[in-house]
Amino acid sequence: MNLWLQIADTAGAVLVLIGAAVCLLGVIGMLRLPDVLSRSHAATKPQSLGMLLVLAGVALRLRSGMDLATLALIGFFQMMTGPVAAHLVARSAYRTGQIDHGELLFDELDAQLTEEK
């Protein structure tokens, strides 16, 4: 086996392991954090980074053009939908009154909602 292929396989395995650990930290954050905004932050930031690391590790292992294109599409669509979904969850929690307004540093949405009425 070529030395460079062995290095790529090892780096891929390390990236998958690190990505899985980052995703696990995000899940622990989702379980431990107290409010909706903190949980939505823990759901998107580490999960997106962890997923990209896992995809990079798998890409180093597979190395074929079709597999790399599929992994790129997976990464693209996950990066487009994950943060948007978390934003919508946080906004609906704000609108339904599940957010403690005293803990917010900036409440820009309040001015927008009062203009609508």
N, C-alpha and C. Protein backbone atom coordinates (compact mmCIF):
# COMPACT_ATOMS: atom_id res chain seq x y z
N MET A 1 0.84 -1.18 0.00
CA MET A 1 0.00 0.00 0.00
C MET A 1 0.88 1.24 0.00
N ASN A 2 0.47 2.21 -0.74
CA ASN A 2 1.22 3.46 -0.86
C ASN A 2 1.22 4.20 0.48
N LEU A 3 2.31 4.85 0.78
CA LEU A 3 2.43 5.58 2.04
C LEU A 3 1.43 6.72 2.12
N TRP A 4 1.21 7.43 0.99
CA TRP A 4 0.27 8.55 1.00
C TRP A 4 -1.16 8.09 1.22
N LEU A 5 -1.52 6.93 0.69
CA LEU A 5 -2.86 6.38 0.92
C LEU A 5 -3.05 5.99 2.38
N GLN A 6 -2.00 5.46 2.97
CA GLN A 6 -2.08 5.10 4.39
C GLN A 6 -2.20 6.35 5.26
N ILE A 7 -1.49 7.41 4.91
CA ILE A 7 -1.59 8.67 5.65
C ILE A 7 -2.99 9.26 5.49
N ALA A 8 -3.54 9.20 4.27
CA ALA A 8 -4.88 9.72 4.03
C ALA A 8 -5.92 8.92 4.80
N ASP A 9 -5.76 7.60 4.86
CA ASP A 9 -6.70 6.76 5.63
C ASP A 9 -6.63 7.09 7.12
N THR A 10 -5.42 7.27 7.63
CA THR A 10 -5.26 7.61 9.05
C THR A 10 -5.84 8.99 9.35
N ALA A 11 -5.56 9.95 8.48
CA ALA A 11 -6.13 11.30 8.68
C ALA A 11 -7.64 11.26 8.58
N GLY A 12 -8.19 10.46 7.68
CA GLY A 12 -9.64 10.32 7.56
C GLY A 12 -10.25 9.73 8.82
N ALA A 13 -9.60 8.72 9.38
CA ALA A 13 -10.11 8.11 10.61
C ALA A 13 -10.06 9.10 11.77
N VAL A 14 -9.00 9.90 11.84
CA VAL A 14 -8.87 10.91 12.90
C VAL A 14 -9.95 11.97 12.74
N LEU A 15 -10.20 12.41 11.50
CA LEU A 15 -11.24 13.41 11.27
C LEU A 15 -12.63 12.89 11.63
N VAL A 16 -12.91 11.63 11.30
CA VAL A 16 -14.20 11.04 11.66
C VAL A 16 -14.34 10.97 13.17
N LEU A 17 -13.28 10.59 13.86
CA LEU A 17 -13.33 10.50 15.33
C LEU A 17 -13.52 11.88 15.96
N ILE A 18 -12.79 12.88 15.48
CA ILE A 18 -12.94 14.24 16.01
C ILE A 18 -14.33 14.78 15.71
N GLY A 19 -14.82 14.55 14.50
CA GLY A 19 -16.16 15.01 14.14
C GLY A 19 -17.23 14.36 14.99
N ALA A 20 -17.10 13.07 15.26
CA ALA A 20 -18.06 12.39 16.12
C ALA A 20 -18.00 12.93 17.55
N ALA A 21 -16.81 13.25 18.03
CA ALA A 21 -16.67 13.82 19.38
C ALA A 21 -17.31 15.21 19.46
N VAL A 22 -17.14 16.02 18.41
CA VAL A 22 -17.76 17.35 18.40
C VAL A 22 -19.28 17.23 18.37
N CYS A 23 -19.80 16.28 17.59
CA CYS A 23 -21.25 16.05 17.56
C CYS A 23 -21.75 15.58 18.92
N LEU A 24 -20.98 14.74 19.58
CA LEU A 24 -21.37 14.29 20.92
C LEU A 24 -21.41 15.45 21.90
N LEU A 25 -20.45 16.36 21.82
CA LEU A 25 -20.46 17.54 22.68
C LEU A 25 -21.68 18.41 22.40
N GLY A 26 -22.10 18.51 21.15
CA GLY A 26 -23.30 19.26 20.82
C GLY A 26 -24.54 18.63 21.42
N VAL A 27 -24.62 17.30 21.39
CA VAL A 27 -25.76 16.61 21.98
C VAL A 27 -25.79 16.79 23.49
N ILE A 28 -24.63 16.71 24.12
CA ILE A 28 -24.56 16.94 25.56
C ILE A 28 -24.99 18.36 25.89
N GLY A 29 -24.58 19.32 25.06
CA GLY A 29 -25.02 20.70 25.25
C GLY A 29 -26.51 20.86 25.11
N MET A 30 -27.11 20.15 24.15
CA MET A 30 -28.55 20.22 23.98
C MET A 30 -29.29 19.67 25.20
N LEU A 31 -28.71 18.67 25.83
CA LEU A 31 -29.36 18.08 27.00
C LEU A 31 -29.14 18.90 28.26
N ARG A 32 -28.01 19.58 28.37
CA ARG A 32 -27.64 20.24 29.61
C ARG A 32 -28.01 21.72 29.68
N LEU A 33 -28.14 22.40 28.54
CA LEU A 33 -28.37 23.84 28.55
C LEU A 33 -29.81 24.14 28.94
N PRO A 34 -30.04 25.30 29.58
CA PRO A 34 -31.33 25.54 30.21
C PRO A 34 -32.46 26.04 29.31
N ASP A 35 -32.17 26.84 28.29
CA ASP A 35 -33.27 27.46 27.56
C ASP A 35 -33.20 27.15 26.07
N VAL A 36 -34.24 27.57 25.36
CA VAL A 36 -34.40 27.23 23.95
C VAL A 36 -33.28 27.84 23.10
N LEU A 37 -32.92 29.08 23.36
CA LEU A 37 -31.90 29.73 22.55
C LEU A 37 -30.54 29.07 22.71
N SER A 38 -30.19 28.71 23.92
CA SER A 38 -28.91 28.02 24.16
C SER A 38 -28.91 26.64 23.51
N ARG A 39 -30.04 25.96 23.61
CA ARG A 39 -30.13 24.63 23.01
C ARG A 39 -30.07 24.69 21.49
N SER A 40 -30.71 25.70 20.90
CA SER A 40 -30.64 25.80 19.45
C SER A 40 -29.22 26.15 18.99
N HIS A 41 -28.50 26.91 19.79
CA HIS A 41 -27.09 27.19 19.48
C HIS A 41 -26.27 25.90 19.54
N ALA A 42 -26.51 25.11 20.59
CA ALA A 42 -25.78 23.84 20.73
C ALA A 42 -26.19 22.84 19.66
N ALA A 43 -27.39 23.00 19.11
CA ALA A 43 -27.83 22.07 18.07
C ALA A 43 -27.20 22.36 16.73
N THR A 44 -26.87 23.62 16.45
CA THR A 44 -26.38 23.95 15.12
C THR A 44 -24.87 24.10 15.02
N LYS A 45 -24.27 24.84 15.90
CA LYS A 45 -22.83 25.12 15.75
C LYS A 45 -21.97 23.87 15.81
N PRO A 46 -22.00 23.10 16.89
CA PRO A 46 -21.13 21.91 16.91
C PRO A 46 -21.57 20.83 15.92
N GLN A 47 -22.89 20.74 15.68
CA GLN A 47 -23.35 19.70 14.76
C GLN A 47 -22.88 19.98 13.34
N SER A 48 -22.90 21.25 12.95
CA SER A 48 -22.44 21.59 11.60
C SER A 48 -20.94 21.32 11.45
N LEU A 49 -20.16 21.75 12.42
CA LEU A 49 -18.72 21.51 12.37
C LEU A 49 -18.40 20.02 12.43
N GLY A 50 -19.06 19.31 13.32
CA GLY A 50 -18.82 17.88 13.45
C GLY A 50 -19.19 17.12 12.19
N MET A 51 -20.31 17.52 11.57
CA MET A 51 -20.73 16.87 10.34
C MET A 51 -19.73 17.13 9.21
N LEU A 52 -19.22 18.35 9.13
CA LEU A 52 -18.22 18.65 8.10
C LEU A 52 -16.92 17.87 8.32
N LEU A 53 -16.53 17.71 9.58
CA LEU A 53 -15.33 16.92 9.87
C LEU A 53 -15.53 15.46 9.51
N VAL A 54 -16.70 14.92 9.81
CA VAL A 54 -16.99 13.53 9.45
C VAL A 54 -17.00 13.35 7.93
N LEU A 55 -17.62 14.31 7.22
CA LEU A 55 -17.64 14.23 5.76
C LEU A 55 -16.24 14.33 5.17
N ALA A 56 -15.39 15.18 5.74
CA ALA A 56 -14.01 15.30 5.26
C ALA A 56 -13.25 13.99 5.51
N GLY A 57 -13.48 13.38 6.65
CA GLY A 57 -12.83 12.10 6.94
C GLY A 57 -13.28 11.00 6.00
N VAL A 58 -14.57 10.97 5.72
CA VAL A 58 -15.08 9.96 4.78
C VAL A 58 -14.55 10.24 3.37
N ALA A 59 -14.44 11.51 3.01
CA ALA A 59 -13.92 11.86 1.68
C ALA A 59 -12.47 11.41 1.54
N LEU A 60 -11.67 11.53 2.60
CA LEU A 60 -10.29 11.07 2.53
C LEU A 60 -10.21 9.55 2.38
N ARG A 61 -11.20 8.87 2.87
CA ARG A 61 -11.19 7.41 2.80
C ARG A 61 -11.71 6.90 1.45
N LEU A 62 -12.75 7.54 0.90
CA LEU A 62 -13.38 7.00 -0.31
C LEU A 62 -12.62 7.36 -1.59
N ARG A 63 -12.33 8.65 -1.79
CA ARG A 63 -11.48 9.14 -2.87
C ARG A 63 -12.01 8.99 -4.29
N SER A 64 -13.26 8.59 -4.52
CA SER A 64 -13.76 8.51 -5.90
C SER A 64 -14.58 9.75 -6.21
N GLY A 65 -14.65 10.09 -7.49
CA GLY A 65 -15.29 11.34 -7.90
C GLY A 65 -16.76 11.40 -7.54
N MET A 66 -17.51 10.33 -7.78
CA MET A 66 -18.94 10.32 -7.49
C MET A 66 -19.20 10.40 -5.99
N ASP A 67 -18.38 9.71 -5.21
CA ASP A 67 -18.54 9.76 -3.75
C ASP A 67 -18.23 11.16 -3.22
N LEU A 68 -17.19 11.79 -3.76
CA LEU A 68 -16.85 13.14 -3.31
C LEU A 68 -17.94 14.14 -3.69
N ALA A 69 -18.53 13.98 -4.86
CA ALA A 69 -19.63 14.87 -5.26
C ALA A 69 -20.83 14.67 -4.35
N THR A 70 -21.13 13.44 -4.01
CA THR A 70 -22.25 13.16 -3.09
C THR A 70 -21.98 13.76 -1.72
N LEU A 71 -20.76 13.61 -1.21
CA LEU A 71 -20.42 14.17 0.10
C LEU A 71 -20.48 15.69 0.07
N ALA A 72 -20.08 16.30 -1.04
CA ALA A 72 -20.15 17.76 -1.16
C ALA A 72 -21.61 18.22 -1.15
N LEU A 73 -22.48 17.49 -1.82
CA LEU A 73 -23.90 17.84 -1.80
C LEU A 73 -24.50 17.68 -0.40
N ILE A 74 -24.11 16.63 0.28
CA ILE A 74 -24.60 16.42 1.65
C ILE A 74 -24.16 17.58 2.54
N GLY A 75 -22.90 17.96 2.45
CA GLY A 75 -22.40 19.08 3.25
C GLY A 75 -23.09 20.38 2.91
N PHE A 76 -23.31 20.63 1.62
CA PHE A 76 -23.97 21.86 1.19
C PHE A 76 -25.39 21.94 1.73
N PHE A 77 -26.15 20.89 1.55
CA PHE A 77 -27.54 20.94 1.99
C PHE A 77 -27.67 20.95 3.51
N GLN A 78 -26.78 20.29 4.21
CA GLN A 78 -26.81 20.35 5.68
C GLN A 78 -26.45 21.74 6.18
N MET A 79 -25.49 22.38 5.53
CA MET A 79 -25.12 23.73 5.95
C MET A 79 -26.20 24.75 5.61
N MET A 80 -27.00 24.48 4.60
CA MET A 80 -28.07 25.40 4.24
C MET A 80 -29.31 25.20 5.11
N THR A 81 -29.61 23.98 5.51
CA THR A 81 -30.87 23.72 6.21
C THR A 81 -30.73 23.74 7.74
N GLY A 82 -29.60 23.32 8.29
CA GLY A 82 -29.45 23.24 9.75
C GLY A 82 -29.59 24.58 10.45
N PRO A 83 -28.82 25.59 10.08
CA PRO A 83 -28.95 26.88 10.75
C PRO A 83 -30.30 27.56 10.51
N VAL A 84 -30.88 27.35 9.34
CA VAL A 84 -32.20 27.95 9.07
C VAL A 84 -33.26 27.31 9.96
N ALA A 85 -33.20 26.00 10.12
CA ALA A 85 -34.15 25.31 10.99
C ALA A 85 -34.01 25.77 12.44
N ALA A 86 -32.78 25.93 12.91
CA ALA A 86 -32.57 26.40 14.28
C ALA A 86 -33.07 27.83 14.44
N HIS A 87 -32.89 28.66 13.42
CA HIS A 87 -33.39 30.03 13.49
C HIS A 87 -34.91 30.03 13.58
N LEU A 88 -35.57 29.19 12.81
CA LEU A 88 -37.03 29.14 12.85
C LEU A 88 -37.54 28.59 14.18
N VAL A 89 -36.84 27.64 14.76
CA VAL A 89 -37.23 27.13 16.08
C VAL A 89 -37.09 28.22 17.12
N ALA A 90 -35.99 28.97 17.08
CA ALA A 90 -35.79 30.06 18.05
C ALA A 90 -36.82 31.17 17.85
N ARG A 91 -37.14 31.47 16.62
CA ARG A 91 -38.13 32.53 16.36
C ARG A 91 -39.52 32.11 16.80
N SER A 92 -39.88 30.85 16.59
CA SER A 92 -41.19 30.40 17.05
C SER A 92 -41.25 30.33 18.58
N ALA A 93 -40.13 29.99 19.21
CA ALA A 93 -40.09 30.01 20.68
C ALA A 93 -40.24 31.44 21.19
N TYR A 94 -39.67 32.40 20.49
CA TYR A 94 -39.82 33.81 20.87
C TYR A 94 -41.27 34.25 20.74
N ARG A 95 -41.89 33.89 19.62
CA ARG A 95 -43.27 34.31 19.37
C ARG A 95 -44.27 33.66 20.31
N THR A 96 -43.99 32.46 20.78
CA THR A 96 -44.92 31.78 21.69
C THR A 96 -44.65 32.11 23.15
N GLY A 97 -43.66 32.95 23.42
CA GLY A 97 -43.42 33.40 24.79
C GLY A 97 -42.58 32.46 25.63
N GLN A 98 -41.81 31.61 25.03
CA GLN A 98 -40.96 30.68 25.79
C GLN A 98 -39.58 31.25 26.06
N ILE A 99 -39.35 32.50 25.68
CA ILE A 99 -38.06 33.16 25.87
C ILE A 99 -38.20 34.16 27.00
N ASP A 100 -37.23 34.14 27.93
CA ASP A 100 -37.20 35.14 28.99
C ASP A 100 -36.55 36.40 28.44
N HIS A 101 -37.35 37.45 28.25
CA HIS A 101 -36.85 38.67 27.61
C HIS A 101 -35.83 39.41 28.48
N GLY A 102 -35.81 39.15 29.77
CA GLY A 102 -34.84 39.80 30.65
C GLY A 102 -33.42 39.32 30.43
N GLU A 103 -33.26 38.11 29.90
CA GLU A 103 -31.93 37.56 29.68
C GLU A 103 -31.34 37.92 28.32
N LEU A 104 -32.12 38.54 27.45
CA LEU A 104 -31.63 38.92 26.13
C LEU A 104 -30.82 40.20 26.20
N LEU A 105 -29.67 40.22 25.56
CA LEU A 105 -28.86 41.44 25.51
C LEU A 105 -29.46 42.44 24.53
N PHE A 106 -29.85 41.96 23.37
CA PHE A 106 -30.48 42.78 22.34
C PHE A 106 -31.77 42.10 21.92
N ASP A 107 -32.85 42.86 21.88
CA ASP A 107 -34.14 42.30 21.47
C ASP A 107 -34.61 43.05 20.24
N GLU A 108 -34.01 42.74 19.11
CA GLU A 108 -34.35 43.42 17.86
C GLU A 108 -35.68 42.94 17.30
N LEU A 109 -36.10 41.76 17.67
CA LEU A 109 -37.34 41.22 17.13
C LEU A 109 -38.57 41.89 17.74
N ASP A 110 -38.43 42.43 18.95
CA ASP A 110 -39.56 43.08 19.60
C ASP A 110 -40.03 44.29 18.80
N ALA A 111 -39.09 45.07 18.29
CA ALA A 111 -39.46 46.24 17.50
C ALA A 111 -40.13 45.83 16.20
N GLN A 112 -39.70 44.75 15.60
CA GLN A 112 -40.32 44.28 14.37
C GLN A 112 -41.73 43.76 14.61
N LEU A 113 -41.92 43.08 15.73
CA LEU A 113 -43.25 42.52 15.99
C LEU A 113 -44.24 43.59 16.39
N THR A 114 -43.79 44.66 17.07
CA THR A 114 -44.72 45.73 17.44
C THR A 114 -45.10 46.58 16.22
N GLU A 115 -44.26 46.63 15.19
CA GLU A 115 -44.60 47.37 13.97
C GLU A 115 -45.64 46.63 13.16
N GLU A 116 -45.71 45.27 13.26
CA GLU A 116 -46.65 44.50 12.50
C GLU A 116 -48.08 44.70 12.97
N LYS A 117 -48.26 45.00 14.25
CA LYS A 117 -49.61 45.08 14.82
C LYS A 117 -50.29 46.35 14.51
